[in-house]
Amino acid sequence: MCNTTLDYLSEKENNLILIVYGIQGTIEDKQKKLQIEGVYEAYKEVHRQYANLAIESLEALKRGLFIQWHVLVGACFVSGISDIYPQAEYRIIEILDDKLSRNEVDPELYAMVSYYANEAWDFVYDRFPSFVNLKNLMSNKNTYDQIVKQIKCSNLNNRGQMGIYWNSIVNRD
C-alpha cells in the first residue's frame, strides 16, 4: 500500500510540476496563477500525505522533509511549494528525530539533512530545539563534498521535486 501511495504522490507532484513549468509571466503573475490553479494548496496536501506516511516509509520522510525545507528557502513561483501545515511539519521532524535515535537513517537521508542544515539555512532546524538527535546530527553533519558524493549514488528518478532538485545539484558538480 505504501508504494502505491508513494507512486500516487509522485504522479501528483509530476502533474503539479507541469502546471508550474507551464505558467508564464512576471513573478506576481505566476504567484497569482499558481494560487488560482490550486497548486499551492495541492502541494500543502501532498506534504501532509508524506507526513502521514513518514512513520512507515523513509522515502516519504525524505520527500516531506524536502518540501518543508523548500518552503522556507525556495521561491514558491518556481516550485509551486508555498505553505505547509504546521502539524505535518512537526510530525516530519518528530519522526526524523526518532529515526535518528534508533539509527534508522540511511546515508542518503543523513546527507540530505546535512545539506538542509547548511549554515545559511540554520533557521530551518533551529525552530526545533527540543529534538536532541537532530541537534546532534547538525553538529556532525557531512561536508558539501560528502553530501554530493552520497547523493550521486542515489537513483533520483520518479521522486518528485526532491529528485529534480537533487539531480540539479549532483549534475552541476
N, C-alpha and C. Protein backbone atom coordinates (compact mmCIF):
# COMPACT_ATOMS: atom_id res chain seq x y z
N MET A 1 0.82 -1.20 0.00
CA MET A 1 0.00 0.00 0.00
C MET A 1 0.86 1.25 0.00
N CYS A 2 1.96 1.24 0.74
CA CYS A 2 2.81 2.43 0.84
C CYS A 2 3.40 2.79 -0.53
N ASN A 3 3.88 1.79 -1.29
CA ASN A 3 4.45 2.09 -2.60
C ASN A 3 3.42 2.67 -3.54
N THR A 4 2.20 2.12 -3.49
CA THR A 4 1.13 2.66 -4.32
C THR A 4 0.88 4.12 -3.96
N THR A 5 0.86 4.43 -2.69
CA THR A 5 0.64 5.80 -2.27
C THR A 5 1.81 6.69 -2.67
N LEU A 6 3.04 6.19 -2.53
CA LEU A 6 4.21 6.96 -2.98
C LEU A 6 4.15 7.17 -4.49
N ASP A 7 3.74 6.14 -5.22
CA ASP A 7 3.60 6.28 -6.68
C ASP A 7 2.54 7.34 -7.00
N TYR A 8 1.43 7.30 -6.28
CA TYR A 8 0.37 8.28 -6.48
C TYR A 8 0.90 9.70 -6.20
N LEU A 9 1.63 9.85 -5.10
CA LEU A 9 2.15 11.18 -4.75
C LEU A 9 3.21 11.64 -5.75
N SER A 10 4.01 10.71 -6.28
CA SER A 10 4.98 11.07 -7.33
C SER A 10 4.24 11.59 -8.56
N GLU A 11 3.18 10.89 -8.94
CA GLU A 11 2.39 11.32 -10.09
C GLU A 11 1.74 12.67 -9.82
N LYS A 12 1.22 12.85 -8.62
CA LYS A 12 0.62 14.14 -8.24
C LYS A 12 1.65 15.26 -8.34
N GLU A 13 2.85 15.01 -7.82
CA GLU A 13 3.90 16.02 -7.91
C GLU A 13 4.27 16.31 -9.37
N ASN A 14 4.38 15.26 -10.18
CA ASN A 14 4.71 15.46 -11.59
C ASN A 14 3.67 16.34 -12.28
N ASN A 15 2.39 16.09 -11.99
CA ASN A 15 1.33 16.92 -12.57
C ASN A 15 1.41 18.36 -12.09
N LEU A 16 1.70 18.55 -10.81
CA LEU A 16 1.85 19.92 -10.28
C LEU A 16 3.04 20.63 -10.92
N ILE A 17 4.14 19.90 -11.09
CA ILE A 17 5.33 20.48 -11.71
C ILE A 17 5.03 20.93 -13.13
N LEU A 18 4.28 20.13 -13.87
CA LEU A 18 3.91 20.51 -15.24
C LEU A 18 3.12 21.82 -15.25
N ILE A 19 2.22 21.97 -14.30
CA ILE A 19 1.46 23.22 -14.20
C ILE A 19 2.41 24.39 -13.91
N VAL A 20 3.29 24.20 -12.93
CA VAL A 20 4.23 25.26 -12.55
C VAL A 20 5.09 25.66 -13.74
N TYR A 21 5.66 24.69 -14.43
CA TYR A 21 6.54 24.98 -15.57
C TYR A 21 5.80 25.62 -16.73
N GLY A 22 4.49 25.40 -16.81
CA GLY A 22 3.71 25.95 -17.91
C GLY A 22 3.22 27.37 -17.70
N ILE A 23 3.38 27.89 -16.52
CA ILE A 23 2.89 29.24 -16.22
C ILE A 23 3.94 30.28 -16.59
N GLN A 24 3.51 31.27 -17.33
CA GLN A 24 4.40 32.34 -17.81
C GLN A 24 3.99 33.67 -17.17
N GLY A 25 4.90 34.64 -17.24
CA GLY A 25 4.58 35.98 -16.77
C GLY A 25 5.57 36.46 -15.73
N THR A 26 5.23 37.57 -15.11
CA THR A 26 6.06 38.13 -14.06
C THR A 26 5.95 37.24 -12.81
N ILE A 27 6.79 37.51 -11.85
CA ILE A 27 6.72 36.77 -10.59
C ILE A 27 5.32 36.90 -9.99
N GLU A 28 4.80 38.10 -9.98
CA GLU A 28 3.47 38.34 -9.40
C GLU A 28 2.39 37.58 -10.18
N ASP A 29 2.51 37.59 -11.52
CA ASP A 29 1.54 36.86 -12.35
C ASP A 29 1.60 35.36 -12.05
N LYS A 30 2.80 34.83 -11.96
CA LYS A 30 2.96 33.40 -11.68
C LYS A 30 2.38 33.03 -10.32
N GLN A 31 2.67 33.85 -9.31
CA GLN A 31 2.15 33.57 -7.97
C GLN A 31 0.62 33.56 -7.98
N LYS A 32 0.04 34.52 -8.64
CA LYS A 32 -1.43 34.61 -8.69
C LYS A 32 -2.01 33.41 -9.43
N LYS A 33 -1.41 33.04 -10.56
CA LYS A 33 -1.90 31.90 -11.33
C LYS A 33 -1.76 30.59 -10.56
N LEU A 34 -0.65 30.43 -9.85
CA LEU A 34 -0.46 29.22 -9.05
C LEU A 34 -1.49 29.13 -7.94
N GLN A 35 -1.83 30.27 -7.36
CA GLN A 35 -2.88 30.31 -6.33
C GLN A 35 -4.22 29.93 -6.94
N ILE A 36 -4.56 30.54 -8.06
CA ILE A 36 -5.84 30.29 -8.71
C ILE A 36 -5.95 28.84 -9.17
N GLU A 37 -4.86 28.29 -9.69
CA GLU A 37 -4.85 26.90 -10.17
C GLU A 37 -4.90 25.89 -9.02
N GLY A 38 -4.70 26.36 -7.80
CA GLY A 38 -4.75 25.47 -6.65
C GLY A 38 -3.46 24.70 -6.40
N VAL A 39 -2.39 25.12 -7.03
CA VAL A 39 -1.11 24.41 -6.90
C VAL A 39 -0.57 24.53 -5.48
N TYR A 40 -0.60 25.71 -4.92
CA TYR A 40 -0.08 25.89 -3.56
C TYR A 40 -0.82 24.99 -2.57
N GLU A 41 -2.14 24.98 -2.67
CA GLU A 41 -2.94 24.17 -1.76
C GLU A 41 -2.71 22.68 -2.00
N ALA A 42 -2.56 22.30 -3.25
CA ALA A 42 -2.31 20.89 -3.58
C ALA A 42 -0.97 20.42 -3.02
N TYR A 43 0.06 21.28 -3.11
CA TYR A 43 1.36 20.89 -2.56
C TYR A 43 1.31 20.80 -1.03
N LYS A 44 0.53 21.65 -0.43
CA LYS A 44 0.35 21.59 1.03
C LYS A 44 -0.24 20.23 1.41
N GLU A 45 -1.18 19.76 0.62
CA GLU A 45 -1.80 18.46 0.86
C GLU A 45 -0.84 17.31 0.57
N VAL A 46 -0.04 17.42 -0.47
CA VAL A 46 0.97 16.40 -0.76
C VAL A 46 1.92 16.26 0.42
N HIS A 47 2.36 17.38 0.97
CA HIS A 47 3.25 17.35 2.12
C HIS A 47 2.57 16.67 3.31
N ARG A 48 1.32 16.98 3.55
CA ARG A 48 0.58 16.36 4.65
C ARG A 48 0.51 14.84 4.46
N GLN A 49 0.31 14.41 3.24
CA GLN A 49 0.25 12.97 2.97
C GLN A 49 1.62 12.30 3.18
N TYR A 50 2.68 12.98 2.79
CA TYR A 50 4.02 12.44 3.07
C TYR A 50 4.24 12.34 4.59
N ALA A 51 3.81 13.34 5.32
CA ALA A 51 3.95 13.30 6.79
C ALA A 51 3.18 12.12 7.38
N ASN A 52 2.01 11.84 6.83
CA ASN A 52 1.22 10.70 7.30
C ASN A 52 1.90 9.37 7.03
N LEU A 53 2.65 9.29 5.95
CA LEU A 53 3.33 8.05 5.56
C LEU A 53 4.72 7.91 6.17
N ALA A 54 5.27 8.99 6.68
CA ALA A 54 6.68 9.02 7.07
C ALA A 54 7.05 8.02 8.15
N ILE A 55 6.14 7.65 9.00
CA ILE A 55 6.45 6.70 10.06
C ILE A 55 6.76 5.32 9.48
N GLU A 56 6.15 5.00 8.36
CA GLU A 56 6.34 3.68 7.76
C GLU A 56 7.22 3.71 6.51
N SER A 57 7.57 4.89 6.04
CA SER A 57 8.32 4.99 4.79
C SER A 57 9.42 6.04 4.89
N LEU A 58 10.65 5.60 4.80
CA LEU A 58 11.79 6.52 4.80
C LEU A 58 11.73 7.45 3.58
N GLU A 59 11.24 6.92 2.47
CA GLU A 59 11.11 7.74 1.26
C GLU A 59 10.12 8.88 1.47
N ALA A 60 8.99 8.59 2.09
CA ALA A 60 8.01 9.64 2.38
C ALA A 60 8.62 10.68 3.33
N LEU A 61 9.40 10.22 4.30
CA LEU A 61 10.07 11.14 5.22
C LEU A 61 11.02 12.06 4.45
N LYS A 62 11.79 11.50 3.53
CA LYS A 62 12.74 12.30 2.74
C LYS A 62 12.01 13.35 1.91
N ARG A 63 10.96 12.94 1.24
CA ARG A 63 10.22 13.87 0.38
C ARG A 63 9.51 14.95 1.20
N GLY A 64 8.92 14.55 2.31
CA GLY A 64 8.26 15.54 3.17
C GLY A 64 9.25 16.53 3.74
N LEU A 65 10.40 16.04 4.15
CA LEU A 65 11.45 16.91 4.69
C LEU A 65 11.93 17.89 3.62
N PHE A 66 12.08 17.40 2.39
CA PHE A 66 12.49 18.29 1.31
C PHE A 66 11.47 19.42 1.11
N ILE A 67 10.20 19.06 1.06
CA ILE A 67 9.16 20.07 0.83
C ILE A 67 9.18 21.12 1.94
N GLN A 68 9.31 20.70 3.19
CA GLN A 68 9.29 21.70 4.26
C GLN A 68 10.56 22.52 4.30
N TRP A 69 11.68 21.98 3.86
CA TRP A 69 12.89 22.78 3.71
C TRP A 69 12.69 23.78 2.58
N HIS A 70 12.16 23.29 1.47
CA HIS A 70 12.00 24.14 0.29
C HIS A 70 11.01 25.28 0.51
N VAL A 71 9.98 25.05 1.33
CA VAL A 71 9.02 26.11 1.59
C VAL A 71 9.69 27.29 2.31
N LEU A 72 10.77 27.00 3.03
CA LEU A 72 11.48 28.04 3.76
C LEU A 72 12.59 28.72 2.96
N VAL A 73 13.18 28.01 2.01
CA VAL A 73 14.35 28.57 1.32
C VAL A 73 14.16 28.76 -0.18
N GLY A 74 13.11 28.18 -0.75
CA GLY A 74 12.91 28.26 -2.19
C GLY A 74 11.89 29.31 -2.59
N ALA A 75 11.84 29.57 -3.87
CA ALA A 75 10.88 30.53 -4.42
C ALA A 75 9.61 29.79 -4.83
N CYS A 76 8.49 30.18 -4.24
CA CYS A 76 7.24 29.47 -4.48
C CYS A 76 6.78 29.56 -5.93
N PHE A 77 7.09 30.63 -6.62
CA PHE A 77 6.65 30.77 -8.01
C PHE A 77 7.46 29.89 -8.95
N VAL A 78 8.57 29.36 -8.49
CA VAL A 78 9.39 28.44 -9.28
C VAL A 78 8.99 26.99 -9.00
N SER A 79 8.57 26.69 -7.77
CA SER A 79 8.32 25.32 -7.36
C SER A 79 6.83 24.97 -7.18
N GLY A 80 6.02 25.96 -6.88
CA GLY A 80 4.63 25.69 -6.53
C GLY A 80 4.46 25.32 -5.07
N ILE A 81 5.57 25.31 -4.33
CA ILE A 81 5.54 24.98 -2.90
C ILE A 81 5.52 26.29 -2.13
N SER A 82 4.41 26.56 -1.46
CA SER A 82 4.23 27.85 -0.82
C SER A 82 4.01 27.77 0.68
N ASP A 83 3.34 26.73 1.13
CA ASP A 83 2.95 26.64 2.53
C ASP A 83 2.77 25.18 2.90
N ILE A 84 2.87 24.89 4.19
CA ILE A 84 2.62 23.54 4.70
C ILE A 84 1.84 23.65 6.00
N TYR A 85 1.24 22.56 6.39
CA TYR A 85 0.55 22.52 7.67
C TYR A 85 1.58 22.39 8.78
N PRO A 86 1.52 23.26 9.80
CA PRO A 86 2.49 23.17 10.90
C PRO A 86 2.51 21.81 11.59
N GLN A 87 1.34 21.18 11.72
CA GLN A 87 1.29 19.86 12.37
C GLN A 87 2.05 18.82 11.55
N ALA A 88 1.94 18.90 10.24
CA ALA A 88 2.66 17.97 9.36
C ALA A 88 4.16 18.22 9.44
N GLU A 89 4.54 19.49 9.48
CA GLU A 89 5.95 19.84 9.60
C GLU A 89 6.53 19.27 10.90
N TYR A 90 5.82 19.47 11.98
CA TYR A 90 6.27 18.97 13.28
C TYR A 90 6.37 17.44 13.26
N ARG A 91 5.40 16.80 12.66
CA ARG A 91 5.38 15.34 12.59
C ARG A 91 6.61 14.82 11.85
N ILE A 92 6.97 15.45 10.76
CA ILE A 92 8.16 15.04 10.00
C ILE A 92 9.41 15.16 10.88
N ILE A 93 9.56 16.26 11.57
CA ILE A 93 10.74 16.46 12.43
C ILE A 93 10.73 15.45 13.58
N GLU A 94 9.58 15.22 14.15
CA GLU A 94 9.44 14.25 15.25
C GLU A 94 9.85 12.85 14.79
N ILE A 95 9.38 12.44 13.63
CA ILE A 95 9.72 11.12 13.09
C ILE A 95 11.21 11.05 12.75
N LEU A 96 11.73 12.10 12.16
CA LEU A 96 13.16 12.14 11.84
C LEU A 96 13.99 11.99 13.11
N ASP A 97 13.65 12.72 14.14
CA ASP A 97 14.40 12.66 15.39
C ASP A 97 14.33 11.25 15.99
N ASP A 98 13.16 10.65 15.93
CA ASP A 98 13.01 9.28 16.45
C ASP A 98 13.85 8.29 15.65
N LYS A 99 13.84 8.42 14.34
CA LYS A 99 14.64 7.52 13.50
C LYS A 99 16.13 7.73 13.73
N LEU A 100 16.53 8.97 13.96
CA LEU A 100 17.93 9.24 14.30
C LEU A 100 18.30 8.56 15.62
N SER A 101 17.40 8.59 16.59
CA SER A 101 17.68 7.99 17.90
C SER A 101 17.84 6.48 17.81
N ARG A 102 17.19 5.87 16.83
CA ARG A 102 17.26 4.42 16.67
C ARG A 102 18.18 3.99 15.54
N ASN A 103 18.95 4.96 15.02
CA ASN A 103 19.90 4.68 13.93
C ASN A 103 19.19 4.05 12.72
N GLU A 104 18.03 4.57 12.38
CA GLU A 104 17.24 4.09 11.25
C GLU A 104 17.28 5.06 10.08
N VAL A 105 18.36 5.83 10.00
CA VAL A 105 18.52 6.80 8.93
C VAL A 105 19.59 6.29 7.98
N ASP A 106 19.24 6.18 6.70
CA ASP A 106 20.21 5.70 5.73
C ASP A 106 21.16 6.84 5.32
N PRO A 107 22.27 6.50 4.66
CA PRO A 107 23.25 7.53 4.29
C PRO A 107 22.67 8.64 3.40
N GLU A 108 21.71 8.30 2.56
CA GLU A 108 21.11 9.32 1.70
C GLU A 108 20.37 10.36 2.54
N LEU A 109 19.54 9.92 3.47
CA LEU A 109 18.81 10.86 4.31
C LEU A 109 19.76 11.67 5.18
N TYR A 110 20.79 11.02 5.70
CA TYR A 110 21.78 11.73 6.51
C TYR A 110 22.41 12.86 5.69
N ALA A 111 22.73 12.56 4.43
CA ALA A 111 23.32 13.58 3.55
C ALA A 111 22.33 14.71 3.28
N MET A 112 21.08 14.36 3.05
CA MET A 112 20.07 15.38 2.79
C MET A 112 19.87 16.30 3.98
N VAL A 113 19.76 15.71 5.16
CA VAL A 113 19.58 16.52 6.37
C VAL A 113 20.80 17.40 6.58
N SER A 114 21.98 16.87 6.32
CA SER A 114 23.20 17.67 6.44
C SER A 114 23.16 18.87 5.50
N TYR A 115 22.71 18.65 4.29
CA TYR A 115 22.62 19.73 3.30
C TYR A 115 21.62 20.79 3.75
N TYR A 116 20.46 20.34 4.21
CA TYR A 116 19.42 21.28 4.65
C TYR A 116 19.84 22.05 5.90
N ALA A 117 20.87 21.55 6.59
CA ALA A 117 21.36 22.20 7.80
C ALA A 117 22.54 23.12 7.51
N ASN A 118 22.77 23.44 6.27
CA ASN A 118 23.82 24.36 5.86
C ASN A 118 23.76 25.63 6.71
N GLU A 119 24.92 26.22 6.96
CA GLU A 119 24.99 27.41 7.82
C GLU A 119 24.05 28.53 7.36
N ALA A 120 23.84 28.64 6.06
CA ALA A 120 22.95 29.69 5.54
C ALA A 120 21.49 29.40 5.88
N TRP A 121 21.20 28.15 6.21
CA TRP A 121 19.82 27.74 6.47
C TRP A 121 19.63 27.22 7.88
N ASP A 122 20.44 27.66 8.83
CA ASP A 122 20.32 27.19 10.22
C ASP A 122 18.90 27.31 10.75
N PHE A 123 18.20 28.34 10.33
CA PHE A 123 16.86 28.60 10.83
C PHE A 123 15.88 27.47 10.52
N VAL A 124 16.19 26.64 9.53
CA VAL A 124 15.29 25.55 9.15
C VAL A 124 15.07 24.60 10.32
N TYR A 125 16.15 24.27 11.04
CA TYR A 125 16.05 23.33 12.16
C TYR A 125 16.12 24.02 13.52
N ASP A 126 16.62 25.22 13.56
CA ASP A 126 16.73 25.93 14.84
C ASP A 126 15.37 26.12 15.51
N ARG A 127 14.33 26.04 14.74
CA ARG A 127 12.98 26.20 15.29
C ARG A 127 12.53 24.98 16.09
N PHE A 128 13.37 23.92 16.11
CA PHE A 128 13.01 22.69 16.80
C PHE A 128 14.10 22.31 17.82
N PRO A 129 14.32 23.15 18.82
CA PRO A 129 15.44 22.93 19.73
C PRO A 129 15.29 21.71 20.64
N SER A 130 14.09 21.21 20.81
CA SER A 130 13.89 20.09 21.74
C SER A 130 14.26 18.73 21.14
N PHE A 131 14.54 18.69 19.86
CA PHE A 131 14.87 17.42 19.21
C PHE A 131 16.37 17.20 19.25
N VAL A 132 16.80 16.51 20.27
CA VAL A 132 18.22 16.33 20.59
C VAL A 132 18.98 15.59 19.49
N ASN A 133 18.38 14.56 18.94
CA ASN A 133 19.07 13.76 17.93
C ASN A 133 19.31 14.56 16.65
N LEU A 134 18.36 15.37 16.30
CA LEU A 134 18.54 16.26 15.15
C LEU A 134 19.64 17.27 15.43
N LYS A 135 19.64 17.80 16.63
CA LYS A 135 20.68 18.76 17.02
C LYS A 135 22.07 18.11 16.95
N ASN A 136 22.16 16.85 17.39
CA ASN A 136 23.44 16.13 17.32
C ASN A 136 23.89 15.93 15.87
N LEU A 137 22.95 15.58 15.01
CA LEU A 137 23.29 15.42 13.61
C LEU A 137 23.82 16.73 13.03
N MET A 138 23.19 17.82 13.40
CA MET A 138 23.61 19.11 12.88
C MET A 138 25.03 19.46 13.30
N SER A 139 25.45 18.99 14.44
CA SER A 139 26.82 19.29 14.89
C SER A 139 27.83 18.31 14.28
N ASN A 140 27.35 17.26 13.63
CA ASN A 140 28.23 16.27 12.99
C ASN A 140 27.86 16.06 11.53
N LYS A 141 27.36 17.09 10.89
CA LYS A 141 26.85 16.93 9.53
C LYS A 141 27.97 16.72 8.52
N ASN A 142 27.60 16.14 7.40
CA ASN A 142 28.53 15.90 6.31
C ASN A 142 28.97 17.22 5.67
N THR A 143 30.14 17.19 5.04
CA THR A 143 30.58 18.33 4.24
C THR A 143 29.82 18.33 2.92
N TYR A 144 29.90 19.42 2.20
CA TYR A 144 29.22 19.51 0.90
C TYR A 144 29.72 18.41 -0.04
N ASP A 145 31.02 18.20 -0.09
CA ASP A 145 31.57 17.16 -0.98
C ASP A 145 31.08 15.77 -0.59
N GLN A 146 30.99 15.49 0.69
CA GLN A 146 30.46 14.20 1.16
C GLN A 146 28.99 14.05 0.77
N ILE A 147 28.25 15.13 0.90
CA ILE A 147 26.83 15.11 0.56
C ILE A 147 26.66 14.77 -0.92
N VAL A 148 27.36 15.51 -1.77
CA VAL A 148 27.22 15.30 -3.21
C VAL A 148 27.66 13.89 -3.59
N LYS A 149 28.76 13.42 -3.02
CA LYS A 149 29.24 12.06 -3.30
C LYS A 149 28.17 11.03 -2.93
N GLN A 150 27.54 11.20 -1.78
CA GLN A 150 26.50 10.26 -1.35
C GLN A 150 25.27 10.33 -2.24
N ILE A 151 24.81 11.53 -2.55
CA ILE A 151 23.60 11.68 -3.34
C ILE A 151 23.81 11.17 -4.78
N LYS A 152 25.04 11.28 -5.28
CA LYS A 152 25.32 10.76 -6.63
C LYS A 152 25.10 9.25 -6.71
N CYS A 153 25.12 8.55 -5.60
CA CYS A 153 24.87 7.11 -5.55
C CYS A 153 23.39 6.78 -5.64
N SER A 154 22.54 7.78 -5.54
CA SER A 154 21.09 7.57 -5.47
C SER A 154 20.45 7.61 -6.84
N ASN A 155 19.39 6.84 -6.98
CA ASN A 155 18.51 6.95 -8.14
C ASN A 155 17.49 8.03 -7.79
N LEU A 156 17.54 9.13 -8.49
CA LEU A 156 16.71 10.28 -8.15
C LEU A 156 15.48 10.41 -9.06
N ASN A 157 15.29 9.45 -9.94
CA ASN A 157 14.15 9.49 -10.85
C ASN A 157 12.86 9.14 -10.11
N ASN A 158 11.77 9.75 -10.56
CA ASN A 158 10.43 9.47 -10.01
C ASN A 158 10.34 9.73 -8.51
N ARG A 159 10.98 10.80 -8.07
CA ARG A 159 10.97 11.12 -6.64
C ARG A 159 10.49 12.54 -6.39
N GLY A 160 9.60 13.01 -7.27
CA GLY A 160 9.01 14.32 -7.10
C GLY A 160 10.03 15.43 -7.24
N GLN A 161 9.70 16.58 -6.68
CA GLN A 161 10.62 17.73 -6.77
C GLN A 161 11.91 17.48 -6.03
N MET A 162 11.86 16.63 -5.02
CA MET A 162 13.10 16.30 -4.32
C MET A 162 14.10 15.71 -5.30
N GLY A 163 13.66 14.77 -6.12
CA GLY A 163 14.55 14.16 -7.10
C GLY A 163 15.04 15.14 -8.14
N ILE A 164 14.15 16.00 -8.60
CA ILE A 164 14.53 17.02 -9.59
C ILE A 164 15.59 17.95 -8.99
N TYR A 165 15.35 18.41 -7.77
CA TYR A 165 16.29 19.32 -7.12
C TYR A 165 17.65 18.65 -6.96
N TRP A 166 17.67 17.43 -6.40
CA TRP A 166 18.94 16.76 -6.14
C TRP A 166 19.67 16.42 -7.44
N ASN A 167 18.93 16.08 -8.50
CA ASN A 167 19.58 15.86 -9.80
C ASN A 167 20.29 17.13 -10.26
N SER A 168 19.67 18.28 -10.03
CA SER A 168 20.29 19.54 -10.44
C SER A 168 21.58 19.82 -9.65
N ILE A 169 21.61 19.40 -8.40
CA ILE A 169 22.80 19.60 -7.58
C ILE A 169 23.93 18.67 -8.01
N VAL A 170 23.65 17.39 -8.15
CA VAL A 170 24.71 16.44 -8.47
C VAL A 170 25.18 16.56 -9.91
N ASN A 171 24.34 17.06 -10.80
CA ASN A 171 24.75 17.20 -12.20
C ASN A 171 25.53 18.47 -12.47
N ARG A 172 25.54 19.39 -11.55
CA ARG A 172 26.34 20.61 -11.75
C ARG A 172 27.74 20.46 -11.17
N ASP A 173 27.94 19.50 -10.28
CA ASP A 173 29.25 19.28 -9.68
C ASP A 173 30.04 18.23 -10.41
